[in-house]
Protein backbone atom coordinates (compact mmCIF):
# COMPACT_ATOMS: atom_id res chain seq x y z
CA MET A 1 131.41 143.86 76.25
CA ARG A 2 133.79 146.58 75.09
CA ALA A 3 133.14 149.17 72.42
CA PHE A 4 135.68 151.00 70.33
CA GLY A 5 135.83 153.85 67.84
CA LEU A 6 138.69 154.16 65.36
CA SER A 7 139.69 157.80 65.00
CA THR A 8 140.82 159.49 61.81
CA LEU A 9 144.29 159.83 63.36
CA LEU A 10 144.46 156.06 63.88
CA LEU A 11 143.36 155.47 60.29
CA ILE A 12 146.14 157.74 58.99
CA THR A 13 148.68 156.06 61.29
CA LEU A 14 147.73 152.60 60.08
CA LEU A 15 147.87 153.68 56.43
CA LEU A 16 151.35 155.09 56.97
CA TRP A 17 152.42 151.94 58.82
CA SER A 18 151.27 149.79 55.93
CA ALA A 19 153.05 151.95 53.39
CA THR A 20 156.34 151.62 55.25
CA GLY A 21 156.55 147.86 55.34
CA ALA A 22 153.99 145.98 57.39
CA HIS A 23 154.33 142.22 57.52
CA GLY A 24 151.33 140.66 55.83
CA SER A 25 150.77 137.60 53.69
CA LEU A 26 153.14 134.68 53.31
CA ALA A 27 154.18 136.07 49.93
CA GLU A 28 155.14 139.34 51.62
CA GLN A 29 157.06 137.45 54.28
CA ARG A 30 159.08 135.64 51.62
CA ARG A 31 160.05 138.96 50.11
CA HIS A 32 161.62 139.81 53.47
CA ASP A 33 164.01 136.87 53.15
CA SER A 34 166.63 138.84 51.17
CA PRO A 35 167.68 141.03 54.15
CA SER A 36 168.51 137.87 56.10
CA ASP A 37 170.60 136.59 53.18
CA ALA A 38 172.34 139.93 52.79
CA ALA A 39 173.13 140.20 56.50
CA TRP A 40 174.53 136.68 56.56
CA SER A 41 176.65 137.28 53.47
CA ALA A 42 178.02 140.49 55.00
CA ARG A 43 178.90 138.58 58.15
CA LEU A 44 180.86 135.95 56.18
CA ASP A 45 182.59 138.70 54.18
CA ALA A 46 183.69 140.36 57.43
CA LEU A 47 185.25 137.10 58.62
CA ALA A 48 187.07 136.62 55.32
CA GLY A 49 188.24 140.23 55.35
CA ALA A 50 189.74 139.72 58.82
CA GLY A 51 191.53 136.58 57.65
CA ILE A 52 189.51 134.31 59.95
CA ARG A 53 188.54 130.80 58.92
CA PRO A 54 185.78 129.30 61.09
CA PRO A 55 187.26 126.50 63.22
CA PRO A 56 185.60 123.10 63.75
CA ALA A 57 183.00 122.81 66.50
CA ARG A 58 185.26 120.77 68.77
CA ALA A 59 187.78 123.66 68.85
CA LEU A 60 185.27 126.07 70.41
CA ARG A 61 183.80 123.88 73.14
CA ASP A 62 186.32 124.93 75.81
CA PRO A 63 186.53 128.74 76.14
CA SER A 64 189.81 128.42 78.04
CA ARG A 65 191.53 126.66 75.13
CA LEU A 66 190.53 128.50 71.98
CA PRO A 67 192.54 128.60 68.73
CA PRO A 68 195.11 131.43 68.35
CA GLY A 69 193.56 134.80 67.64
CA LEU A 70 190.20 133.94 69.19
CA ARG A 71 188.88 135.11 72.55
CA PRO A 72 186.02 133.91 74.79
CA VAL A 73 182.57 135.49 74.52
CA PRO A 74 181.01 136.61 77.83
CA ALA A 75 177.72 134.95 78.79
CA ALA A 76 174.67 136.66 80.24
CA ASP A 77 175.23 134.93 83.59
CA GLY A 78 178.73 136.36 83.94
CA GLY A 79 180.55 133.25 82.73
CA LEU A 80 181.97 132.38 79.32
CA GLN A 81 180.02 130.95 76.41
CA ARG A 82 180.89 127.58 74.90
CA GLY A 83 180.65 126.96 71.18
CA VAL A 84 181.46 130.51 70.02
CA ALA A 85 184.40 132.91 70.13
CA SER A 86 185.25 136.53 69.34
CA ALA A 87 188.00 138.06 67.25
CA ALA A 88 189.49 141.52 66.80
CA GLY A 89 187.84 143.52 64.04
CA VAL A 90 184.81 141.22 63.78
CA PRO A 91 181.61 142.51 65.41
CA GLU A 92 179.71 139.22 65.42
CA PRO A 93 180.72 136.01 67.27
CA VAL A 94 182.87 133.52 65.39
CA LEU A 95 180.88 130.32 64.82
CA PRO A 96 182.04 126.77 64.10
CA ARG A 97 182.43 125.98 60.41
CA GLU A 98 179.72 123.32 60.71
CA VAL A 99 177.27 125.93 61.99
CA VAL A 100 178.23 128.33 59.19
CA ALA A 101 177.37 125.60 56.69
CA VAL A 102 174.04 124.87 58.43
CA VAL A 103 172.91 128.51 58.52
CA SER A 104 173.89 129.03 54.88
CA ALA A 105 171.93 125.93 53.89
CA ALA A 106 168.91 126.95 56.02
CA LEU A 107 168.62 130.28 54.20
CA ARG A 108 168.64 128.41 50.88
CA THR A 109 165.67 126.27 51.99
CA VAL A 110 163.31 129.25 52.42
CA GLY A 111 160.31 128.73 50.16
CA ALA A 112 160.62 124.93 50.15
CA PRO A 113 157.37 123.06 50.93
CA TYR A 114 156.45 121.77 54.37
CA GLU A 115 156.06 118.02 54.75
CA HIS A 116 155.29 116.16 57.97
CA GLY A 117 158.45 114.26 58.93
CA GLY A 118 160.41 115.70 56.00
CA ASP A 119 164.15 116.25 56.46
CA GLY A 120 165.03 117.40 52.95
CA PRO A 121 166.29 118.07 50.48
CA GLY A 122 162.96 118.81 48.79
CA ALA A 123 160.58 119.30 51.73
CA PHE A 124 160.87 119.72 55.48
CA SER A 125 159.15 119.56 58.84
CA CYS A 126 160.33 121.96 61.55
CA ALA A 127 162.33 119.30 63.42
CA GLY A 128 163.39 117.57 60.21
CA LEU A 129 164.81 120.80 58.85
CA VAL A 130 167.26 121.29 61.71
CA SER A 131 168.08 117.60 62.21
CA GLY A 132 168.63 117.08 58.48
CA LEU A 133 170.88 120.11 58.06
CA TYR A 134 172.98 119.31 61.12
CA ASP A 135 173.24 115.64 60.15
CA ARG A 136 174.78 116.69 56.83
CA VAL A 137 177.69 118.38 58.66
CA GLY A 138 178.28 115.48 61.05
CA ILE A 139 176.41 116.78 64.11
CA THR A 140 173.65 114.52 65.38
CA VAL A 141 170.39 116.23 66.34
CA PRO A 142 167.30 114.18 67.33
CA ALA A 143 164.50 113.86 64.79
CA THR A 144 161.71 115.37 66.93
CA ALA A 145 161.38 118.82 68.47
CA LYS A 146 160.61 117.30 71.88
CA ARG A 147 163.84 115.31 71.87
CA GLN A 148 165.80 118.28 70.57
CA TRP A 149 164.64 120.22 73.63
CA ALA A 150 165.11 117.35 76.07
CA SER A 151 168.64 116.41 74.98
CA GLY A 152 170.09 119.67 73.69
CA HIS A 153 172.67 121.84 75.47
CA ARG A 154 170.65 124.81 76.66
CA VAL A 155 171.81 128.42 76.54
CA ARG A 156 170.13 131.58 77.73
CA GLN A 157 167.98 133.34 75.15
CA ALA A 158 170.13 136.44 75.67
CA ASP A 159 173.17 134.38 74.55
CA ALA A 160 171.53 132.93 71.42
CA VAL A 161 173.55 133.08 68.19
CA ALA A 162 173.04 131.94 64.62
CA GLY A 163 172.75 128.17 64.40
CA ASP A 164 171.06 127.80 67.80
CA LEU A 165 167.60 126.23 67.95
CA VAL A 166 164.61 128.18 69.28
CA ILE A 167 162.19 125.80 71.00
CA VAL A 168 158.77 127.42 70.63
CA GLY A 169 156.25 126.56 73.35
CA SER A 170 155.53 126.97 77.04
CA ASP A 171 155.87 125.03 80.29
CA ARG A 172 152.13 124.51 80.37
CA TYR A 173 151.59 123.34 76.78
CA GLY A 174 154.97 121.87 75.92
CA VAL A 175 156.98 121.94 72.70
CA GLN A 176 155.09 123.37 69.73
CA SER A 177 157.74 124.03 67.07
CA VAL A 178 161.45 124.62 66.53
CA GLY A 179 163.27 127.20 64.44
CA LEU A 180 166.91 127.82 63.49
CA ILE A 181 168.33 131.25 64.33
CA VAL A 182 169.91 132.92 61.29
CA GLY A 183 170.39 136.43 62.65
CA PRO A 184 169.44 138.74 65.52
CA GLY A 185 165.78 138.06 66.32
CA THR A 186 165.28 136.06 63.11
CA MET A 187 164.81 132.34 62.52
CA VAL A 188 164.14 129.98 59.64
CA VAL A 189 161.30 127.56 60.39
CA ALA A 190 159.36 124.92 58.46
CA ASP A 191 155.85 126.00 59.38
CA ALA A 192 152.90 123.64 59.01
CA THR A 193 150.33 126.43 58.98
CA ALA A 194 152.11 128.15 56.08
CA ALA A 195 152.94 124.80 54.41
CA ALA A 196 156.42 126.16 53.67
CA VAL A 197 159.84 127.04 55.06
CA VAL A 198 159.81 130.74 55.99
CA THR A 199 161.83 133.32 57.85
CA ALA A 200 160.11 134.74 60.92
CA ARG A 201 160.82 136.79 63.98
CA VAL A 202 161.80 134.84 67.07
CA PRO A 203 158.74 134.86 69.38
CA ASP A 204 158.95 136.95 72.52
CA PRO A 205 160.10 135.08 75.67
CA ARG A 206 156.54 134.16 76.66
CA GLY A 207 156.31 131.96 73.56
CA VAL A 208 159.74 130.32 73.87
CA LEU A 209 160.60 127.35 76.07
CA GLY A 210 164.31 127.91 75.53
CA VAL A 211 167.31 127.78 73.22
CA VAL A 212 169.68 124.88 72.56
CA ARG A 213 173.09 124.83 70.85
CA PRO A 214 173.61 121.68 68.72
CA SER A 215 177.33 122.33 68.17
CA LEU A 216 177.94 121.41 71.83
CA GLY A 217 176.61 117.89 71.30
CA PRO A 218 173.87 116.04 73.20
CA HIS A 219 173.20 116.49 76.89
CA THR A 220 171.18 113.89 78.80
CA ARG A 221 168.98 115.20 81.62
CA GLY A 222 166.32 112.57 82.04
CA GLU A 223 163.72 115.34 82.16
CA ALA A 224 160.04 115.13 81.26
CA LEU A 225 159.24 116.28 77.74
CA GLY A 226 156.69 118.86 78.83
CA ALA A 227 152.97 119.17 79.01
CA SER A 228 152.36 118.33 75.36
CA ALA A 229 153.52 114.77 76.02
CA ALA A 230 150.39 114.17 78.09
CA GLY A 231 147.60 112.29 76.36
CA SER A 232 144.99 114.94 77.18
CA ALA A 233 146.95 117.79 75.59
CA PRO A 234 146.56 118.96 71.99
CA THR A 235 148.76 117.37 69.32
CA TRP A 236 151.22 119.97 68.01
CA ARG A 237 152.70 119.94 64.53
CA CYS A 238 155.28 122.62 63.70
CA GLY A 239 153.53 125.79 64.71
CA GLY A 240 149.91 124.70 64.79
CA ILE A 241 147.71 122.23 66.59
CA LEU A 242 146.83 119.16 64.54
CA PRO A 243 143.04 118.81 64.70
CA SER A 244 141.98 115.45 66.10
CA SER A 245 140.09 114.66 62.89
CA ALA A 246 143.36 114.96 60.96
CA ALA A 247 145.47 112.78 63.27
CA GLY A 248 147.53 110.24 61.38
CA ARG A 249 147.36 112.06 58.05
CA GLY A 250 150.54 113.23 56.37
CA GLY A 251 151.18 116.35 54.34
CA ALA A 252 149.92 119.83 55.00
CA GLU A 253 147.54 122.35 53.55
CA PRO A 254 148.19 126.02 54.30
CA SER A 255 145.71 127.78 56.53
CA PRO A 256 143.88 130.50 54.59
CA PHE A 257 144.97 132.90 57.35
CA ALA A 258 148.59 131.77 57.97
CA TRP A 259 151.22 134.46 57.56
CA GLY A 260 154.84 135.12 58.44
CA GLY A 261 155.56 131.65 59.82
CA TYR A 262 154.19 132.64 63.22
CA PRO A 263 152.42 130.03 65.36
CA ASN A 264 148.69 130.61 65.77
CA GLY A 265 148.08 132.58 68.97
CA LEU A 266 151.82 133.15 69.55
CA ILE A 267 152.43 136.14 67.30
CA PRO A 268 155.26 138.28 68.76
CA ASP A 269 154.65 141.63 70.40
CA GLY A 270 155.13 144.49 67.98
CA VAL A 271 153.98 142.58 64.89
CA LEU A 272 150.26 143.25 65.37
CA CYS A 273 148.75 146.74 65.26
CA PRO A 274 146.83 147.89 68.34
CA LEU A 275 143.29 149.18 67.98
CA ARG A 276 141.94 152.19 69.85
CA THR A 277 140.67 150.19 72.82
CA GLU A 278 143.28 148.06 74.57
CA PRO A 279 144.07 145.23 74.44
CA HIS A 280 142.49 144.78 71.00
CA ALA A 281 144.89 144.22 68.09
CA LEU A 282 144.90 142.79 64.56
CA ARG A 283 147.31 142.04 61.75
CA CYS A 284 148.20 145.50 60.48
CA ASP A 285 146.56 145.32 57.06
CA ALA A 286 143.39 143.99 58.71
CA ALA A 287 143.51 146.83 61.26
CA ARG A 288 143.98 149.40 58.49
CA ASP A 289 140.99 148.13 56.53
CA LEU A 290 138.87 147.80 59.67
CA ALA A 291 139.55 151.49 60.30
CA ALA A 292 138.36 152.31 56.78
CA LEU A 293 135.29 150.11 57.28
CA ASP A 294 134.56 151.89 60.55
CA ALA A 295 134.72 155.28 58.85
CA ALA A 296 132.23 154.19 56.18
CA TYR A 297 129.97 152.51 58.75
CA THR A 298 129.94 155.66 60.87
CA GLY A 299 129.14 157.83 57.87
CA ALA A 300 126.20 155.62 56.89
CA LEU A 301 124.72 154.80 60.30
CA GLY A 302 125.94 157.58 62.57
CA GLU A 303 127.56 155.18 65.03
CA ARG A 304 130.94 153.54 65.50
CA LEU A 305 131.65 149.87 65.05
CA CYS A 306 131.44 148.06 68.38
CA LEU A 307 134.03 145.35 69.09
CA THR A 308 134.09 142.61 71.72
CA ASP A 309 136.98 140.44 70.48
CA SER A 310 139.93 140.52 68.08
CA TYR A 311 143.34 138.77 68.31
CA ARG A 312 143.30 135.82 70.71
CA THR A 313 146.44 134.37 72.21
CA LEU A 314 146.76 130.60 72.40
CA GLU A 315 146.13 130.82 76.13
CA MET A 316 142.86 132.64 75.50
CA GLN A 317 141.82 130.10 72.85
CA LEU A 318 142.42 127.15 75.16
CA GLU A 319 140.53 128.75 78.03
CA LEU A 320 137.61 129.68 75.77
CA HIS A 321 137.47 126.19 74.31
CA GLN A 322 137.30 124.71 77.81
CA ARG A 323 134.40 127.03 78.75
CA LYS A 324 132.50 126.97 75.43
CA PRO A 325 133.62 123.98 73.36
CA GLU A 326 130.45 124.13 71.28
CA LEU A 327 131.24 127.69 70.11
CA ALA A 328 135.02 128.07 70.12
CA ALA A 329 137.26 126.84 67.31
CA GLU A 330 139.79 124.14 68.12
CA PRO A 331 142.75 125.91 69.80
CA GLY A 332 145.53 126.72 67.37
CA THR A 333 143.17 126.91 64.38
CA SER A 334 141.11 130.03 65.12
CA ALA A 335 141.16 132.98 62.73
CA HIS A 336 141.35 135.10 65.90
CA GLY A 337 144.75 133.47 66.56
CA TRP A 338 146.08 134.92 63.30
CA GLY A 339 144.81 138.41 64.15
CA VAL A 340 142.36 138.47 61.23
CA ALA A 341 138.96 138.10 62.92
CA VAL A 342 136.70 140.27 65.04
CA ASP A 343 133.50 139.77 67.00
CA LEU A 344 131.13 142.74 66.78
CA CYS A 345 128.39 144.19 68.98
CA GLY A 346 126.18 147.29 69.01
CA GLY A 347 123.50 145.68 66.84
CA ALA A 348 125.88 143.96 64.43
CA GLU A 349 125.71 140.83 66.59
CA THR A 350 122.07 140.21 65.59
CA PHE A 351 120.70 139.07 62.23
CA GLY A 352 118.24 141.44 60.56
CA THR A 353 119.35 144.67 62.22
CA ALA A 354 120.30 147.77 60.25
CA GLU A 355 123.91 147.36 61.46
CA HIS A 356 124.22 143.73 60.38
CA ASP A 357 122.48 144.32 57.05
CA TRP A 358 124.80 147.25 56.24
CA LEU A 359 127.87 145.10 56.98
CA ARG A 360 126.57 142.28 54.80
CA ALA A 361 126.19 144.74 51.94
CA HIS A 362 129.43 146.71 52.32
CA ALA A 363 132.05 144.99 54.53
CA ALA A 364 133.49 142.98 51.64
CA ASP A 365 134.52 146.24 49.96
CA PHE A 366 137.03 146.59 52.79
CA GLY A 367 138.21 142.96 52.82
CA TRP A 368 135.92 141.85 55.66
CA THR A 369 133.48 138.96 55.18
CA HIS A 370 130.91 137.06 57.17
CA PRO A 371 132.00 133.41 56.65
CA ARG A 372 129.47 130.99 55.21
CA TRP A 373 129.56 128.74 58.29
CA ALA A 374 128.47 131.67 60.53
CA ARG A 375 125.55 132.91 58.43
CA GLU A 376 121.86 132.71 59.24
CA GLY A 377 120.47 129.23 58.70
CA SER A 378 123.82 127.46 59.11
CA ASP A 379 124.47 124.82 61.77
CA ARG A 380 126.54 127.31 63.76
CA GLU A 381 125.11 130.80 63.43
CA GLU A 382 127.45 133.59 64.60
CA PRO A 383 126.17 136.93 63.30
CA TRP A 384 128.87 138.76 65.29
CA HIS A 385 131.91 137.00 63.72
CA TRP A 386 133.70 138.63 60.76
CA GLU A 387 136.98 137.64 59.08
CA TYR A 388 139.52 139.53 57.01
CA ARG A 389 140.06 137.80 53.67
CA ARG A 390 141.83 140.33 51.48
CA PRO A 391 144.88 138.54 49.95
């Protein structure tokens, strides 16, 4: 068990962080869509200002035979990239006109509802979003994320450009979701946990299987689809695990904790705010209000809040579920995986103590609640578990 104390300096730091633009609820994330639109519009204006009209995809597939005025783009491995070009006076790579149309359309879908299997125009799944948009410009992309990964032309993540597909997942757990890059480090994704199309940061390399470039056409490898194809593995649906009790049902309801379009347990580094004791971290608004709760708790009881658990990666959730299936939430659904739950100690982990009673009376003032399912007398008592519910 690990204890922590949140200092006044940390509280001030978190308050300043929040005031300067922390990512929070889904509504907040949608308000961050306009910078992506503005950056994309500026990029298209730069092309027009340089007198460059995006060529068709077939014209950029051979870097040794590019249209006049265009030059090859170096690749991270020392070679030349296929499917893009460079031009004098234009800082960003020149993309095929089909890809320009796809990225422009993807940005217009942000805010549309998620629907299992949906490929537009009114609602989308993660795979349906990219396959539907590319189909409309004459480029065939498979209808499932697994097939998109298995048959797509792969490029290094360092070479990724707008229009490429980010295959979210890992070698161990397979394909979990797919997003469409719309700018540096930014993707549009139809996220089941948010029940909407959102813009989100591209996960760090640990949460990405790879990147594929649809404008290069299909590539057959005959490879296995990954661990998630195995019958014993969890069933993934666009950023979250589909609970076994929901298998076969269509539609989606947003998780009460979902935010930013990030997959549960795969939130990128730098998005969460660290707590005083490593490696604990939470969503930044939750961390800020936990610091305020800690200050009030200390003033009333003369002791710091004691913490044993906070954000849990997907890897941690799966391992915990294997060891304690009767206690752990189904992997990919835990509030810990969204960075909005803590497990407490130091007396707070026991019903009827002064610490627990004080939290029951005052924690809600700071956005923290003891969920009904965890309370005394329920089928699954967890006096130590608290969740952040402030909208």
